[in-house]
PDB file of N, CA and C in Angstrom:
ATOM      1  N   MET A   1      74.685 108.612  37.569  1.00  0.00           N
ATOM      2  CA  MET A   1      75.064 108.805  36.183  1.00  0.00           C
ATOM      3  C   MET A   1      76.476 109.363  36.146  1.00  0.00           C
ATOM      4  N   ASN A   2      77.295 108.807  35.266  1.00  0.00           N
ATOM      5  CA  ASN A   2      78.659 109.281  35.073  1.00  0.00           C
ATOM      6  C   ASN A   2      78.658 110.538  34.219  1.00  0.00           C
ATOM      7  N   ALA A   3      79.746 111.247  34.270  1.00  0.00           N
ATOM      8  CA  ALA A   3      79.870 112.460  33.466  1.00  0.00           C
ATOM      9  C   ALA A   3      79.973 112.128  31.974  1.00  0.00           C
ATOM     10  N   THR A   4      80.410 110.904  31.652  1.00  0.00           N
ATOM     11  CA  THR A   4      80.579 110.533  30.245  1.00  0.00           C
ATOM     12  C   THR A   4      79.314 109.952  29.625  1.00  0.00           C
ATOM     13  N   GLU A   5      78.330 109.578  30.441  1.00  0.00           N
ATOM     14  CA  GLU A   5      77.095 109.007  29.914  1.00  0.00           C
ATOM     15  C   GLU A   5      76.175 110.092  29.373  1.00  0.00           C
ATOM     16  N   ALA A   6      75.577 109.809  28.250  1.00  0.00           N
ATOM     17  CA  ALA A   6      74.597 110.737  27.689  1.00  0.00           C
ATOM     18  C   ALA A   6      73.271 110.517  28.410  1.00  0.00           C
ATOM     19  N   PRO A   7      72.512 111.570  28.617  1.00  0.00           N
ATOM     20  CA  PRO A   7      71.215 111.386  29.277  1.00  0.00           C
ATOM     21  C   PRO A   7      70.289 110.546  28.397  1.00  0.00           C
ATOM     22  N   ARG A   8      69.579 109.615  29.036  1.00  0.00           N
ATOM     23  CA  ARG A   8      68.664 108.741  28.302  1.00  0.00           C
ATOM     24  C   ARG A   8      67.331 109.436  28.105  1.00  0.00           C
ATOM     25  N   ALA A   9      66.700 109.112  27.011  1.00  0.00           N
ATOM     26  CA  ALA A   9      65.372 109.659  26.734  1.00  0.00           C
ATOM     27  C   ALA A   9      64.377 109.031  27.703  1.00  0.00           C
ATOM     28  N   PRO A  10      63.301 109.738  28.005  1.00  0.00           N
ATOM     29  CA  PRO A  10      62.275 109.154  28.871  1.00  0.00           C
ATOM     30  C   PRO A  10      61.737 107.849  28.276  1.00  0.00           C
ATOM     31  N   GLN A  11      61.224 106.987  29.152  1.00  0.00           N
ATOM     32  CA  GLN A  11      60.763 105.663  28.740  1.00  0.00           C
ATOM     33  C   GLN A  11      59.716 105.736  27.643  1.00  0.00           C
ATOM     34  N   HIS A  12      58.786 106.673  27.733  1.00  0.00           N
ATOM     35  CA  HIS A  12      57.731 106.741  26.723  1.00  0.00           C
ATOM     36  C   HIS A  12      58.284 107.108  25.343  1.00  0.00           C
ATOM     37  N   LEU A  13      59.359 107.895  25.305  1.00  0.00           N
ATOM     38  CA  LEU A  13      59.970 108.232  24.020  1.00  0.00           C
ATOM     39  C   LEU A  13      60.748 107.046  23.450  1.00  0.00           C
ATOM     40  N   GLN A  14      61.396 106.283  24.332  1.00  0.00           N
ATOM     41  CA  GLN A  14      62.089 105.076  23.885  1.00  0.00           C
ATOM     42  C   GLN A  14      61.093 104.070  23.315  1.00  0.00           C
ATOM     43  N   ALA A  15      59.952 103.924  23.983  1.00  0.00           N
ATOM     44  CA  ALA A  15      58.912 103.004  23.507  1.00  0.00           C
ATOM     45  C   ALA A  15      58.376 103.456  22.153  1.00  0.00           C
ATOM     46  N   LEU A  16      58.210 104.750  21.983  1.00  0.00           N
ATOM     47  CA  LEU A  16      57.728 105.290  20.712  1.00  0.00           C
ATOM     48  C   LEU A  16      58.743 105.041  19.591  1.00  0.00           C
ATOM     49  N   GLN A  17      60.019 105.223  19.890  1.00  0.00           N
ATOM     50  CA  GLN A  17      61.062 104.963  18.894  1.00  0.00           C
ATOM     51  C   GLN A  17      61.074 103.487  18.488  1.00  0.00           C
ATOM     52  N   GLN A  18      60.948 102.596  19.474  1.00  0.00           N
ATOM     53  CA  GLN A  18      60.927 101.162  19.176  1.00  0.00           C
ATOM     54  C   GLN A  18      59.698 100.808  18.338  1.00  0.00           C
ATOM     55  N   ALA A  19      58.544 101.365  18.698  1.00  0.00           N
ATOM     56  CA  ALA A  19      57.315 101.096  17.945  1.00  0.00           C
ATOM     57  C   ALA A  19      57.453 101.575  16.501  1.00  0.00           C
ATOM     58  N   ASN A  20      58.081 102.710  16.302  1.00  0.00           N
ATOM     59  CA  ASN A  20      58.296 103.224  14.943  1.00  0.00           C
ATOM     60  C   ASN A  20      59.244 102.330  14.148  1.00  0.00           C
ATOM     61  N   ARG A  21      60.310 101.826  14.807  1.00  0.00           N
ATOM     62  CA  ARG A  21      61.234 100.905  14.129  1.00  0.00           C
ATOM     63  C   ARG A  21      60.496  99.646  13.674  1.00  0.00           C
ATOM     64  N   VAL A  22      59.678  99.089  14.562  1.00  0.00           N
ATOM     65  CA  VAL A  22      58.924  97.875  14.233  1.00  0.00           C
ATOM     66  C   VAL A  22      57.934  98.162  13.109  1.00  0.00           C
ATOM     67  N   ARG A  23      57.227  99.278  13.210  1.00  0.00           N
ATOM     68  CA  ARG A  23      56.224  99.625  12.201  1.00  0.00           C
ATOM     69  C   ARG A  23      56.852  99.794  10.819  1.00  0.00           C
ATOM     70  N   LEU A  24      57.967 100.490  10.750  1.00  0.00           N
ATOM     71  CA  LEU A  24      58.637 100.701   9.464  1.00  0.00           C
ATOM     72  C   LEU A  24      59.216  99.396   8.905  1.00  0.00           C
ATOM     73  N   ALA A  25      59.800  98.580   9.761  1.00  0.00           N
ATOM     74  CA  ALA A  25      60.355  97.298   9.311  1.00  0.00           C
ATOM     75  C   ALA A  25      59.245  96.369   8.842  1.00  0.00           C
ATOM     76  N   ARG A  26      58.121  96.384   9.552  1.00  0.00           N
ATOM     77  CA  ARG A  26      56.989  95.538   9.171  1.00  0.00           C
ATOM     78  C   ARG A  26      56.388  96.009   7.843  1.00  0.00           C
ATOM     79  N   ALA A  27      56.312  97.319   7.641  1.00  0.00           N
ATOM     80  CA  ALA A  27      55.799  97.850   6.374  1.00  0.00           C
ATOM     81  C   ALA A  27      56.698  97.419   5.218  1.00  0.00           C
ATOM     82  N   GLU A  28      58.000  97.436   5.428  1.00  0.00           N
ATOM     83  CA  GLU A  28      58.939  96.993   4.394  1.00  0.00           C
ATOM     84  C   GLU A  28      58.778  95.499   4.123  1.00  0.00           C
ATOM     85  N   LEU A  29      58.594  94.713   5.173  1.00  0.00           N
ATOM     86  CA  LEU A  29      58.383  93.274   5.011  1.00  0.00           C
ATOM     87  C   LEU A  29      57.101  92.996   4.228  1.00  0.00           C
ATOM     88  N   LYS A  30      56.029  93.716   4.547  1.00  0.00           N
ATOM     89  CA  LYS A  30      54.760  93.546   3.823  1.00  0.00           C
ATOM     90  C   LYS A  30      54.917  93.932   2.355  1.00  0.00           C
ATOM     91  N   ARG A  31      55.672  94.999   2.093  1.00  0.00           N
ATOM     92  CA  ARG A  31      55.913  95.424   0.713  1.00  0.00           C
ATOM     93  C   ARG A  31      56.662  94.341  -0.056  1.00  0.00           C
ATOM     94  N   MET A  32      57.663  93.741   0.588  1.00  0.00           N
ATOM     95  CA  MET A  32      58.446  92.691  -0.059  1.00  0.00           C
ATOM     96  C   MET A  32      57.584  91.463  -0.356  1.00  0.00           C
ATOM     97  N   VAL A  33      56.681  91.122   0.558  1.00  0.00           N
ATOM     98  CA  VAL A  33      55.781  89.987   0.337  1.00  0.00           C
ATOM     99  C   VAL A  33      54.811  90.314  -0.795  1.00  0.00           C
ATOM    100  N   ALA A  34      54.270  91.528  -0.793  1.00  0.00           N
ATOM    101  CA  ALA A  34      53.309  91.932  -1.826  1.00  0.00           C
ATOM    102  C   ALA A  34      53.938  91.920  -3.216  1.00  0.00           C
ATOM    103  N   GLU A  35      55.208  92.304  -3.304  1.00  0.00           N
ATOM    104  CA  GLU A  35      55.889  92.352  -4.598  1.00  0.00           C
ATOM    105  C   GLU A  35      56.527  91.025  -4.987  1.00  0.00           C
ATOM    106  N   GLY A  36      56.433  90.035  -4.121  1.00  0.00           N
ATOM    107  CA  GLY A  36      56.971  88.717  -4.430  1.00  0.00           C
ATOM    108  C   GLY A  36      58.457  88.558  -4.177  1.00  0.00           C
ATOM    109  N   GLU A  37      59.086  89.538  -3.529  1.00  0.00           N
ATOM    110  CA  GLU A  37      60.510  89.441  -3.219  1.00  0.00           C
ATOM    111  C   GLU A  37      60.767  88.410  -2.124  1.00  0.00           C
ATOM    112  N   ARG A  38      59.800  88.249  -1.232  1.00  0.00           N
ATOM    113  CA  ARG A  38      59.852  87.227  -0.175  1.00  0.00           C
ATOM    114  C   ARG A  38      58.503  86.540  -0.149  1.00  0.00           C
ATOM    115  N   SER A  39      58.505  85.262   0.150  1.00  0.00           N
ATOM    116  CA  SER A  39      57.238  84.538   0.238  1.00  0.00           C
ATOM    117  C   SER A  39      56.740  84.553   1.679  1.00  0.00           C
ATOM    118  N   ALA A  40      55.432  84.437   1.831  1.00  0.00           N
ATOM    119  CA  ALA A  40      54.850  84.377   3.172  1.00  0.00           C
ATOM    120  C   ALA A  40      55.343  83.134   3.896  1.00  0.00           C
ATOM    121  N   ALA A  41      55.520  82.032   3.176  1.00  0.00           N
ATOM    122  CA  ALA A  41      56.020  80.793   3.787  1.00  0.00           C
ATOM    123  C   ALA A  41      57.422  80.999   4.352  1.00  0.00           C
ATOM    124  N   GLU A  42      58.241  81.714   3.632  1.00  0.00           N
ATOM    125  CA  GLU A  42      59.602  82.020   4.079  1.00  0.00           C
ATOM    126  C   GLU A  42      59.569  82.839   5.365  1.00  0.00           C
ATOM    127  N   VAL A  43      58.695  83.826   5.423  1.00  0.00           N
ATOM    128  CA  VAL A  43      58.576  84.671   6.613  1.00  0.00           C
ATOM    129  C   VAL A  43      58.101  83.847   7.806  1.00  0.00           C
ATOM    130  N   VAL A  44      57.133  82.962   7.576  1.00  0.00           N
ATOM    131  CA  VAL A  44      56.614  82.120   8.659  1.00  0.00           C
ATOM    132  C   VAL A  44      57.715  81.222   9.203  1.00  0.00           C
ATOM    133  N   LEU A  45      58.493  80.606   8.327  1.00  0.00           N
ATOM    134  CA  LEU A  45      59.536  79.686   8.770  1.00  0.00           C
ATOM    135  C   LEU A  45      60.712  80.394   9.427  1.00  0.00           C
ATOM    136  N   GLU A  46      61.116  81.529   8.893  1.00  0.00           N
ATOM    137  CA  GLU A  46      62.274  82.245   9.429  1.00  0.00           C
ATOM    138  C   GLU A  46      61.926  83.090  10.648  1.00  0.00           C
ATOM    139  N   CYS A  47      60.724  83.597  10.699  1.00  0.00           N
ATOM    140  CA  CYS A  47      60.226  84.457  11.781  1.00  0.00           C
ATOM    141  C   CYS A  47      61.223  85.563  12.144  1.00  0.00           C
ATOM    142  N   PRO A  48      61.441  86.526  11.242  1.00  0.00           N
ATOM    143  CA  PRO A  48      62.344  87.633  11.557  1.00  0.00           C
ATOM    144  C   PRO A  48      61.788  88.478  12.707  1.00  0.00           C
ATOM    145  N   TRP A  49      62.634  89.263  13.340  1.00  0.00           N
ATOM    146  CA  TRP A  49      62.232  90.008  14.535  1.00  0.00           C
ATOM    147  C   TRP A  49      61.030  90.901  14.278  1.00  0.00           C
ATOM    148  N   GLU A  50      60.937  91.485  13.095  1.00  0.00           N
ATOM    149  CA  GLU A  50      59.839  92.397  12.812  1.00  0.00           C
ATOM    150  C   GLU A  50      58.511  91.673  12.639  1.00  0.00           C
ATOM    151  N   ALA A  51      58.546  90.363  12.414  1.00  0.00           N
ATOM    152  CA  ALA A  51      57.314  89.590  12.216  1.00  0.00           C
ATOM    153  C   ALA A  51      56.858  88.868  13.477  1.00  0.00           C
ATOM    154  N   GLU A  52      57.646  88.883  14.537  1.00  0.00           N
ATOM    155  CA  GLU A  52      57.307  88.137  15.748  1.00  0.00           C
ATOM    156  C   GLU A  52      55.951  88.519  16.318  1.00  0.00           C
ATOM    157  N   SER A  53      55.644  89.789  16.362  1.00  0.00           N
ATOM    158  CA  SER A  53      54.372  90.233  16.944  1.00  0.00           C
ATOM    159  C   SER A  53      53.301  90.490  15.881  1.00  0.00           C
ATOM    160  N   MET A  54      53.601  90.159  14.637  1.00  0.00           N
ATOM    161  CA  MET A  54      52.662  90.343  13.530  1.00  0.00           C
ATOM    162  C   MET A  54      51.668  89.177  13.515  1.00  0.00           C
ATOM    163  N   THR A  55      50.408  89.468  13.224  1.00  0.00           N
ATOM    164  CA  THR A  55      49.426  88.385  13.160  1.00  0.00           C
ATOM    165  C   THR A  55      49.537  87.656  11.824  1.00  0.00           C
ATOM    166  N   ILE A  56      49.121  86.405  11.837  1.00  0.00           N
ATOM    167  CA  ILE A  56      49.148  85.604  10.613  1.00  0.00           C
ATOM    168  C   ILE A  56      48.259  86.244   9.554  1.00  0.00           C
ATOM    169  N   GLY A  57      47.117  86.766   9.989  1.00  0.00           N
ATOM    170  CA  GLY A  57      46.199  87.413   9.056  1.00  0.00           C
ATOM    171  C   GLY A  57      46.841  88.586   8.338  1.00  0.00           C
ATOM    172  N   ASP A  58      47.583  89.413   9.066  1.00  0.00           N
ATOM    173  CA  ASP A  58      48.265  90.553   8.442  1.00  0.00           C
ATOM    174  C   ASP A  58      49.272  90.092   7.390  1.00  0.00           C
ATOM    175  N   LEU A  59      50.022  89.052   7.725  1.00  0.00           N
ATOM    176  CA  LEU A  59      51.011  88.546   6.774  1.00  0.00           C
ATOM    177  C   LEU A  59      50.340  87.983   5.528  1.00  0.00           C
ATOM    178  N   LEU A  60      49.324  87.150   5.719  1.00  0.00           N
ATOM    179  CA  LEU A  60      48.658  86.537   4.568  1.00  0.00           C
ATOM    180  C   LEU A  60      47.984  87.582   3.692  1.00  0.00           C
ATOM    181  N   MET A  61      47.353  88.584   4.316  1.00  0.00           N
ATOM    182  CA  MET A  61      46.658  89.612   3.533  1.00  0.00           C
ATOM    183  C   MET A  61      47.618  90.575   2.841  1.00  0.00           C
ATOM    184  N   SER A  62      48.899  90.543   3.201  1.00  0.00           N
ATOM    185  CA  SER A  62      49.859  91.395   2.503  1.00  0.00           C
ATOM    186  C   SER A  62      50.254  90.793   1.156  1.00  0.00           C
ATOM    187  N   GLN A  63      49.899  89.533   0.922  1.00  0.00           N
ATOM    188  CA  GLN A  63      50.161  88.899  -0.370  1.00  0.00           C
ATOM    189  C   GLN A  63      49.217  89.463  -1.427  1.00  0.00           C
ATOM    190  N   HIS A  64      49.668  89.437  -2.649  1.00  0.00           N
ATOM    191  CA  HIS A  64      48.864  89.922  -3.772  1.00  0.00           C
ATOM    192  C   HIS A  64      47.589  89.099  -3.895  1.00  0.00           C
ATOM    193  N   ARG A  65      46.444  89.775  -3.983  1.00  0.00           N
ATOM    194  CA  ARG A  65      45.122  89.172  -4.173  1.00  0.00           C
ATOM    195  C   ARG A  65      44.643  88.329  -2.989  1.00  0.00           C
ATOM    196  N   TRP A  66      45.125  88.640  -1.786  1.00  0.00           N
ATOM    197  CA  TRP A  66      44.658  87.964  -0.582  1.00  0.00           C
ATOM    198  C   TRP A  66      43.908  88.977   0.267  1.00  0.00           C
ATOM    199  N   GLY A  67      42.646  88.701   0.517  1.00  0.00           N
ATOM    200  CA  GLY A  67      41.834  89.536   1.394  1.00  0.00           C
ATOM    201  C   GLY A  67      41.449  88.760   2.643  1.00  0.00           C
ATOM    202  N   ARG A  68      40.589  89.354   3.435  1.00  0.00           N
ATOM    203  CA  ARG A  68      40.169  88.742   4.698  1.00  0.00           C
ATOM    204  C   ARG A  68      39.454  87.408   4.476  1.00  0.00           C
ATOM    205  N   THR A  69      38.576  87.340   3.487  1.00  0.00           N
ATOM    206  CA  THR A  69      37.819  86.110   3.244  1.00  0.00           C
ATOM    207  C   THR A  69      38.743  84.970   2.823  1.00  0.00           C
ATOM    208  N   ARG A  70      39.636  85.229   1.897  1.00  0.00           N
ATOM    209  CA  ARG A  70      40.562  84.181   1.458  1.00  0.00           C
ATOM    210  C   ARG A  70      41.456  83.736   2.611  1.00  0.00           C
ATOM    211  N   CYS A  71      41.890  84.683   3.412  1.00  0.00           N
ATOM    212  CA  CYS A  71      42.730  84.386   4.567  1.00  0.00           C
ATOM    213  C   CYS A  71      41.992  83.485   5.557  1.00  0.00           C
ATOM    214  N   ARG A  72      40.757  83.833   5.887  1.00  0.00           N
ATOM    215  CA  ARG A  72      39.975  83.039   6.844  1.00  0.00           C
ATOM    216  C   ARG A  72      39.711  81.637   6.330  1.00  0.00           C
ATOM    217  N   ARG A  73      39.357  81.512   5.070  1.00  0.00           N
ATOM    218  CA  ARG A  73      39.103  80.182   4.489  1.00  0.00           C
ATOM    219  C   ARG A  73      40.369  79.331   4.494  1.00  0.00           C
ATOM    220  N   PHE A  74      41.470  79.951   4.167  1.00  0.00           N
ATOM    221  CA  PHE A  74      42.750  79.246   4.140  1.00  0.00           C
ATOM    222  C   PHE A  74      43.115  78.734   5.533  1.00  0.00           C
ATOM    223  N   LEU A  75      42.977  79.595   6.533  1.00  0.00           N
ATOM    224  CA  LEU A  75      43.350  79.219   7.897  1.00  0.00           C
ATOM    225  C   LEU A  75      42.369  78.241   8.530  1.00  0.00           C
ATOM    226  N   ALA A  76      41.117  78.249   8.085  1.00  0.00           N
ATOM    227  CA  ALA A  76      40.121  77.325   8.637  1.00  0.00           C
ATOM    228  C   ALA A  76      40.488  75.879   8.322  1.00  0.00           C
ATOM    229  N   ALA A  77      41.197  75.652   7.236  1.00  0.00           N
ATOM    230  CA  ALA A  77      41.583  74.302   6.843  1.00  0.00           C
ATOM    231  C   ALA A  77      42.721  73.750   7.699  1.00  0.00           C
ATOM    232  N   ILE A  78      43.416  74.601   8.458  1.00  0.00           N
ATOM    233  CA  ILE A  78      44.596  74.117   9.200  1.00  0.00           C
ATOM    234  C   ILE A  78      44.244  73.459  10.538  1.00  0.00           C
ATOM    235  N   PRO A  79      43.430  73.853  11.425  1.00  0.00           N
ATOM    236  CA  PRO A  79      42.758  75.116  11.729  1.00  0.00           C
ATOM    237  C   PRO A  79      43.657  76.038  12.569  1.00  0.00           C
ATOM    238  N   MET A  80      43.542  77.318  12.280  1.00  0.00           N
ATOM    239  CA  MET A  80      44.328  78.321  12.985  1.00  0.00           C
ATOM    240  C   MET A  80      43.591  79.656  12.878  1.00  0.00           C
ATOM    241  N   VAL A  81      43.644  80.458  13.925  1.00  0.00           N
ATOM    242  CA  VAL A  81      42.962  81.752  13.898  1.00  0.00           C
ATOM    243  C   VAL A  81      43.880  82.803  13.286  1.00  0.00           C
ATOM    244  N   GLU A  82      43.276  83.776  12.629  1.00  0.00           N
ATOM    245  CA  GLU A  82      44.069  84.798  11.944  1.00  0.00           C
ATOM    246  C   GLU A  82      44.731  85.774  12.905  1.00  0.00           C
ATOM    247  N   THR A  83      44.309  85.789  14.169  1.00  0.00           N
ATOM    248  CA  THR A  83      44.878  86.725  15.140  1.00  0.00           C
ATOM    249  C   THR A  83      46.094  86.160  15.868  1.00  0.00           C
ATOM    250  N   LYS A  84      46.459  84.921  15.596  1.00  0.00           N
ATOM    251  CA  LYS A  84      47.635  84.321  16.233  1.00  0.00           C
ATOM    252  C   LYS A  84      48.881  85.030  15.703  1.00  0.00           C
ATOM    253  N   THR A  85      49.802  85.330  16.593  1.00  0.00           N
ATOM    254  CA  THR A  85      51.026  85.997  16.160  1.00  0.00           C
ATOM    255  C   THR A  85      52.022  84.971  15.631  1.00  0.00           C
ATOM    256  N   ILE A  86      52.835  85.401  14.707  1.00  0.00           N
ATOM    257  CA  ILE A  86      53.812  84.510  14.085  1.00  0.00           C
ATOM    258  C   ILE A  86      54.834  84.035  15.113  1.00  0.00           C
ATOM    259  N   GLY A  87      55.205  84.907  16.025  1.00  0.00           N
ATOM    260  CA  GLY A  87      56.175  84.541  17.052  1.00  0.00           C
ATOM    261  C   GLY A  87      55.665  83.519  18.050  1.00  0.00           C
ATOM    262  N   SER A  88      54.349  83.387  18.190  1.00  0.00           N
ATOM    263  CA  SER A  88      53.791  82.441  19.162  1.00  0.00           C
ATOM    264  C   SER A  88      53.488  81.073  18.557  1.00  0.00           C
ATOM    265  N   MET A  89      53.775  80.900  17.278  1.00  0.00           N
ATOM    266  CA  MET A  89      53.504  79.621  16.612  1.00  0.00           C
ATOM    267  C   MET A  89      54.549  78.577  16.995  1.00  0.00           C
ATOM    268  N   THR A  90      54.104  77.324  17.103  1.00  0.00           N
ATOM    269  CA  THR A  90      55.035  76.228  17.353  1.00  0.00           C
ATOM    270  C   THR A  90      55.716  75.847  16.044  1.00  0.00           C
ATOM    271  N   ASP A  91      56.778  75.067  16.146  1.00  0.00           N
ATOM    272  CA  ASP A  91      57.494  74.612  14.956  1.00  0.00           C
ATOM    273  C   ASP A  91      56.561  73.821  14.047  1.00  0.00           C
ATOM    274  N   ARG A  92      55.747  72.985  14.633  1.00  0.00           N
ATOM    275  CA  ARG A  92      54.807  72.173  13.848  1.00  0.00           C
ATOM    276  C   ARG A  92      53.800  73.069  13.111  1.00  0.00           C
ATOM    277  N   GLN A  93      53.279  74.088  13.794  1.00  0.00           N
ATOM    278  CA  GLN A  93      52.328  75.008  13.163  1.00  0.00           C
ATOM    279  C   GLN A  93      52.987  75.774  12.026  1.00  0.00           C
ATOM    280  N   ARG A  94      54.232  76.204  12.230  1.00  0.00           N
ATOM    281  CA  ARG A  94      54.962  76.929  11.185  1.00  0.00           C
ATOM    282  C   ARG A  94      55.100  76.078   9.925  1.00  0.00           C
ATOM    283  N   ARG A  95      55.505  74.839  10.122  1.00  0.00           N
ATOM    284  CA  ARG A  95      55.718  73.950   8.982  1.00  0.00           C
ATOM    285  C   ARG A  95      54.404  73.621   8.280  1.00  0.00           C
ATOM    286  N   ALA A  96      53.339  73.419   9.047  1.00  0.00           N
ATOM    287  CA  ALA A  96      52.035  73.119   8.441  1.00  0.00           C
ATOM    288  C   ALA A  96      51.546  74.304   7.613  1.00  0.00           C
ATOM    289  N   LEU A  97      51.670  75.510   8.169  1.00  0.00           N
ATOM    290  CA  LEU A  97      51.240  76.707   7.448  1.00  0.00           C
ATOM    291  C   LEU A  97      52.098  76.933   6.204  1.00  0.00           C
ATOM    292  N   ALA A  98      53.410  76.810   6.352  1.00  0.00           N
ATOM    293  CA  ALA A  98      54.307  77.014   5.211  1.00  0.00           C
ATOM    294  C   ALA A  98      54.049  75.979   4.120  1.00  0.00           C
ATOM    295  N   ALA A  99      53.801  74.744   4.512  1.00  0.00           N
ATOM    296  CA  ALA A  99      53.534  73.693   3.528  1.00  0.00           C
ATOM    297  C   ALA A  99      52.258  73.992   2.749  1.00  0.00           C
ATOM    298  N   ARG A 100      51.226  74.459   3.426  1.00  0.00           N
ATOM    299  CA  ARG A 100      49.980  74.811   2.729  1.00  0.00           C
ATOM    300  C   ARG A 100      50.192  76.024   1.831  1.00  0.00           C
ATOM    301  N   LEU A 101      51.007  76.960   2.266  1.00  0.00           N
ATOM    302  CA  LEU A 101      51.254  78.150   1.450  1.00  0.00           C
ATOM    303  C   LEU A 101      51.987  77.810   0.154  1.00  0.00           C
ATOM    304  N   VAL A 102      52.914  76.877   0.212  1.00  0.00           N
ATOM    305  CA  VAL A 102      53.640  76.510  -1.008  1.00  0.00           C
ATOM    306  C   VAL A 102      52.918  75.419  -1.776  1.00  0.00           C
ATOM    307  N   GLY A 103      51.787  74.952  -1.239  1.00  0.00           N
ATOM    308  CA  GLY A 103      50.980  73.958  -1.931  1.00  0.00           C
ATOM    309  C   GLY A 103      51.540  72.561  -1.856  1.00  0.00           C
ATOM    310  N   ASP A 104      52.297  72.280  -0.800  1.00  0.00           N
ATOM    311  CA  ASP A 104      52.917  70.970  -0.646  1.00  0.00           C
ATOM    312  C   ASP A 104      52.581  70.428   0.731  1.00  0.00           C
ATOM    313  N   GLU A 105      51.825  69.349   0.792  1.00  0.00           N
ATOM    314  CA  GLU A 105      51.441  68.757   2.071  1.00  0.00           C
ATOM    315  C   GLU A 105      52.570  67.946   2.691  1.00  0.00           C
ATOM    316  N   ASP A 106      53.640  67.666   1.924  1.00  0.00           N
ATOM    317  CA  ASP A 106      54.784  66.945   2.467  1.00  0.00           C
ATOM    318  C   ASP A 106      55.693  67.969   3.136  1.00  0.00           C
ATOM    319  N   PHE A 107      55.648  68.042   4.461  1.00  0.00           N
ATOM    320  CA  PHE A 107      56.370  69.071   5.201  1.00  0.00           C
ATOM    321  C   PHE A 107      57.880  69.003   4.981  1.00  0.00           C
ATOM    322  N   GLY A 108      58.428  67.839   4.719  1.00  0.00           N
ATOM    323  CA  GLY A 108      59.865  67.694   4.547  1.00  0.00           C
ATOM    324  C   GLY A 108      60.362  68.204   3.212  1.00  0.00           C
ATOM    325  N   ALA A 109      59.471  68.501   2.299  1.00  0.00           N
ATOM    326  CA  ALA A 109      59.878  68.907   0.956  1.00  0.00           C
ATOM    327  C   ALA A 109      60.137  70.402   0.829  1.00  0.00           C
ATOM    328  N   LEU A 110      60.067  71.130   1.913  1.00  0.00           N
ATOM    329  CA  LEU A 110      60.318  72.567   1.844  1.00  0.00           C
ATOM    330  C   LEU A 110      61.813  72.794   1.650  1.00  0.00           C
ATOM    331  N   ASP A 111      62.197  73.330   0.505  1.00  0.00           N
ATOM    332  CA  ASP A 111      63.603  73.546   0.187  1.00  0.00           C
ATOM    333  C   ASP A 111      64.246  74.481   1.191  1.00  0.00           C
ATOM    334  N   GLY A 112      65.417  74.103   1.662  1.00  0.00           N
ATOM    335  CA  GLY A 112      66.159  74.943   2.583  1.00  0.00           C
ATOM    336  C   GLY A 112      65.709  74.830   4.024  1.00  0.00           C
ATOM    337  N   PHE A 113      64.663  74.105   4.287  1.00  0.00           N
ATOM    338  CA  PHE A 113      64.150  73.961   5.643  1.00  0.00           C
ATOM    339  C   PHE A 113      63.932  72.477   5.934  1.00  0.00           C
ATOM    340  N   PRO A 114      65.023  71.713   6.160  1.00  0.00           N
ATOM    341  CA  PRO A 114      64.881  70.275   6.375  1.00  0.00           C
ATOM    342  C   PRO A 114      64.143  69.968   7.674  1.00  0.00           C
ATOM    343  N   MET A 115      63.440  68.856   7.653  1.00  0.00           N
ATOM    344  CA  MET A 115      62.742  68.403   8.853  1.00  0.00           C
ATOM    345  C   MET A 115      63.769  67.891   9.848  1.00  0.00           C
ATOM    346  N   ARG A 116      63.360  67.771  11.100  1.00  0.00           N
ATOM    347  CA  ARG A 116      64.228  67.195  12.114  1.00  0.00           C
ATOM    348  C   ARG A 116      64.500  65.736  11.766  1.00  0.00           C
ATOM    349  N   ALA A 117      65.603  65.237  12.274  1.00  0.00           N
ATOM    350  CA  ALA A 117      65.954  63.841  12.020  1.00  0.00           C
ATOM    351  C   ALA A 117      64.886  62.924  12.599  1.00  0.00           C
ATOM    352  N   GLU A 118      64.682  61.808  11.939  1.00  0.00           N
ATOM    353  CA  GLU A 118      63.695  60.832  12.399  1.00  0.00           C
ATOM    354  C   GLU A 118      64.168  60.251  13.730  1.00  0.00           C
ATOM    355  N   PRO A 119      63.278  60.117  14.723  1.00  0.00           N
ATOM    356  CA  PRO A 119      63.700  59.566  16.008  1.00  0.00           C
ATOM    357  C   PRO A 119      64.163  58.118  15.856  1.00  0.00           C
ATOM    358  N   ALA A 120      65.083  57.705  16.715  1.00  0.00           N
ATOM    359  CA  ALA A 120      65.663  56.366  16.636  1.00  0.00           C
ATOM    360  C   ALA A 120      64.606  55.286  16.759  1.00  0.00           C
ATOM    361  N   TRP A 121      63.602  55.499  17.595  1.00  0.00           N
ATOM    362  CA  TRP A 121      62.577  54.478  17.810  1.00  0.00           C
ATOM    363  C   TRP A 121      61.722  54.260  16.568  1.00  0.00           C
ATOM    364  N   ALA A 122      61.646  55.256  15.677  1.00  0.00           N
ATOM    365  CA  ALA A 122      60.802  55.138  14.488  1.00  0.00           C
ATOM    366  C   ALA A 122      61.433  54.268  13.406  1.00  0.00           C
ATOM    367  N   SER A 123      62.746  54.069  13.449  1.00  0.00           N
ATOM    368  CA  SER A 123      63.414  53.317  12.390  1.00  0.00           C
ATOM    369  C   SER A 123      63.751  51.885  12.788  1.00  0.00           C
ATOM    370  N   THR A 124      63.272  51.420  13.934  1.00  0.00           N
ATOM    371  CA  THR A 124      63.565  50.050  14.355  1.00  0.00           C
ATOM    372  C   THR A 124      62.799  49.071  13.497  1.00  0.00           C
ATOM    373  N   GLY A 125      63.486  48.050  13.045  1.00  0.00           N
ATOM    374  CA  GLY A 125      62.863  47.046  12.180  1.00  0.00           C
ATOM    375  C   GLY A 125      62.020  46.068  12.972  1.00  0.00           C
ATOM    376  N   SER A 126      61.087  45.358  12.306  1.00  0.00           N
ATOM    377  CA  SER A 126      60.250  44.390  13.002  1.00  0.00           C
ATOM    378  C   SER A 126      60.848  43.025  12.949  1.00  0.00           C
TER     379      SER A 126
END
């Protein structure tokens, strides 16, 4: 250690500080979803750092008038388990969930989130 370096906190204290940062940021995100400032579909598509380790069930239940039963029924139609973390979702799963949340089965119609370009082989004429 150099004379100019500040002593680092023990690992367990650093872990506690990080856990508190995540917990507070996640609480703020849930509050914003509950008040309608951000949509759950937006959070799923953007996947901010504070939501990466958050379960889908927690996010859905943070919406106004969403409980465990509504969450389970909603996810059963996809199918997806409520314990899956948002950060572990594939792009296809994110778009499917977001499309169902906004009530639009056309995945490309999500404003601000364009679909990938159509592959060259799909546009070849007969």
